[in-house]
Amino acid sequence: ALDRIDEVHILREKVKNQLNFNPKEYFKYCFGVIHPDGEKPEKVILAFDKVQGKYIKTLPFHHSQKIIKDDKSGLIIELELFITQDLIIEILSLGENIKVLNPNSLKDEIEKRHKKAIGK
C-alpha cells in the first residue's frame, strides 16, 4: 500500500508495457482497486435520501452512475460494477442515508452485516 512506502528511488530506465495492459479498461467496473477475477459486473440500484442525493450528484459514486429518479423524496441511481468489499464498506458507511434496491444478493449482504453489527 502507498501509505507503507518508506523510500522511493527514481531510475532513468524506461519500462515498456509489453503486456498491452489497459488499466482504464481493467478497472472499468471496479469500485476502488479490487478486480475480482472471473466475475461479471452487475447492475446495482441505490436510493439516497434528499440530502445525501445532492451530495451523490456532485460527487458521483462511480463513473457508470446514471440517475433513474431525482425528486423531493431523494435520488435513485443505477451503476454497473463488481460487487466487492470496497463497495460494501462504502454502502455501510452511509448508514440510514442509503438503500440498496438491486441486486437482492447485495441487499441481503448489507442487511446481514447491519444485523451482525447490532448484535455486537
Protein backbone atom coordinates (compact mmCIF):
# COMPACT_ATOMS: atom_id res chain seq x y z
CA ALA A 1 0.00 0.00 0.00
CA LEU A 2 1.17 3.53 -0.73
CA ASP A 3 0.98 4.57 2.91
CA ARG A 4 3.60 1.92 3.77
CA ILE A 5 6.27 3.03 1.29
CA ASP A 6 9.38 4.11 3.18
CA GLU A 7 11.62 5.22 0.36
CA VAL A 8 11.42 5.90 -3.38
CA HIS A 9 14.25 5.80 -5.90
CA ILE A 10 13.68 7.32 -9.31
CA LEU A 11 15.52 5.46 -12.06
CA ARG A 12 16.31 6.64 -15.56
CA GLU A 13 15.31 3.31 -17.05
CA LYS A 14 12.11 3.21 -19.06
CA VAL A 15 9.72 0.29 -18.79
CA LYS A 16 7.61 -0.73 -21.76
CA ASN A 17 4.14 -2.11 -21.34
CA GLN A 18 4.82 -5.44 -23.00
CA LEU A 19 1.53 -6.96 -21.92
CA ASN A 20 -0.60 -4.28 -23.56
CA PHE A 21 -2.26 -3.80 -20.18
CA ASN A 22 -5.02 -1.19 -20.29
CA PRO A 23 -5.69 -0.04 -16.71
CA LYS A 24 -8.72 2.05 -17.72
CA GLU A 25 -10.40 -0.99 -19.23
CA TYR A 26 -9.26 -3.34 -16.44
CA PHE A 27 -10.72 -1.15 -13.68
CA LYS A 28 -13.80 -0.01 -15.66
CA TYR A 29 -16.26 -1.87 -13.42
CA CYS A 30 -14.30 -1.58 -10.17
CA PHE A 31 -15.24 0.40 -7.11
CA GLY A 32 -11.80 1.05 -5.70
CA VAL A 33 -8.91 -1.14 -6.79
CA ILE A 34 -10.26 -4.66 -6.25
CA HIS A 35 -10.83 -6.55 -9.52
CA PRO A 36 -12.45 -9.92 -8.85
CA ASP A 37 -11.24 -12.43 -11.43
CA GLY A 38 -13.91 -14.41 -13.23
CA GLU A 39 -16.83 -12.30 -12.04
CA LYS A 40 -19.11 -10.17 -14.17
CA PRO A 41 -20.21 -6.64 -13.32
CA GLU A 42 -23.74 -6.30 -12.00
CA LYS A 43 -26.43 -3.67 -12.23
CA VAL A 44 -26.67 -2.02 -8.82
CA ILE A 45 -29.53 0.33 -7.94
CA LEU A 46 -29.18 2.57 -4.91
CA ALA A 47 -31.59 5.05 -3.33
CA PHE A 48 -30.48 8.04 -1.27
CA ASP A 49 -32.36 10.46 0.93
CA LYS A 50 -32.69 14.04 -0.32
CA VAL A 51 -29.59 15.42 1.44
CA GLN A 52 -27.29 12.51 0.54
CA GLY A 53 -28.72 12.55 -3.00
CA LYS A 54 -27.48 16.10 -3.55
CA TYR A 55 -24.01 15.03 -2.48
CA ILE A 56 -24.03 11.94 -4.75
CA LYS A 57 -24.97 14.12 -7.74
CA THR A 58 -22.00 16.42 -7.17
CA LEU A 59 -19.53 13.62 -6.36
CA PRO A 60 -20.70 10.51 -8.25
CA PHE A 61 -20.40 7.10 -6.67
CA HIS A 62 -18.90 5.62 -9.86
CA HIS A 63 -18.33 6.77 -13.43
CA SER A 64 -21.13 4.45 -14.66
CA GLN A 65 -23.66 6.32 -12.49
CA LYS A 66 -26.99 7.05 -14.18
CA ILE A 67 -29.77 8.93 -12.46
CA ILE A 68 -33.05 7.00 -12.54
CA LYS A 69 -35.09 9.31 -10.35
CA ASP A 70 -34.37 12.68 -8.76
CA ASP A 71 -37.15 14.43 -6.88
CA LYS A 72 -38.01 15.90 -3.48
CA SER A 73 -38.06 12.43 -1.89
CA GLY A 74 -34.48 11.62 -2.88
CA LEU A 75 -32.25 10.21 -5.59
CA ILE A 76 -32.14 6.78 -7.22
CA ILE A 77 -29.11 5.81 -9.30
CA GLU A 78 -28.02 2.84 -11.36
CA LEU A 79 -24.43 1.62 -11.54
CA GLU A 80 -22.70 -1.17 -13.40
CA LEU A 81 -19.85 -2.60 -11.38
CA PHE A 82 -18.37 -5.51 -9.50
CA ILE A 83 -19.77 -6.10 -6.04
CA THR A 84 -16.68 -6.06 -3.87
CA GLN A 85 -15.70 -5.48 -0.28
CA ASP A 86 -14.84 -1.86 -1.15
CA LEU A 87 -18.39 -1.23 -2.41
CA ILE A 88 -19.99 -2.95 0.58
CA ILE A 89 -17.94 -0.89 3.04
CA GLU A 90 -18.89 2.35 1.25
CA ILE A 91 -22.59 1.44 1.36
CA LEU A 92 -22.37 0.54 5.05
CA SER A 93 -20.62 3.85 5.78
CA LEU A 94 -23.69 5.76 4.58
CA GLY A 95 -25.93 4.11 7.17
CA GLU A 96 -29.54 5.25 7.07
CA ASN A 97 -28.97 7.59 4.12
CA ILE A 98 -28.80 4.80 1.54
CA LYS A 99 -30.94 1.86 0.50
CA VAL A 100 -29.90 -0.96 -1.83
CA LEU A 101 -32.73 -1.69 -4.26
CA ASN A 102 -30.93 -4.16 -6.52
CA PRO A 103 -29.46 -6.81 -6.68
CA ASN A 104 -31.03 -8.89 -3.91
CA SER A 105 -27.70 -10.52 -3.11
CA LEU A 106 -26.23 -7.12 -2.20
CA LYS A 107 -29.34 -6.15 -0.20
CA ASP A 108 -29.02 -9.40 1.75
CA GLU A 109 -25.31 -8.83 2.42
CA ILE A 110 -25.90 -5.29 3.73
CA GLU A 111 -28.77 -6.49 5.93
CA LYS A 112 -26.65 -9.36 7.28
CA ARG A 113 -23.82 -7.01 8.19
CA HIS A 114 -26.13 -4.49 9.87
CA LYS A 115 -27.71 -7.27 11.94
CA LYS A 116 -24.26 -8.53 12.91
CA ALA A 117 -23.25 -5.02 13.99
CA ILE A 118 -26.43 -4.63 16.05
CA GLY A 119 -25.65 -7.94 17.74
CA LYS A 120 -22.35 -6.57 18.96
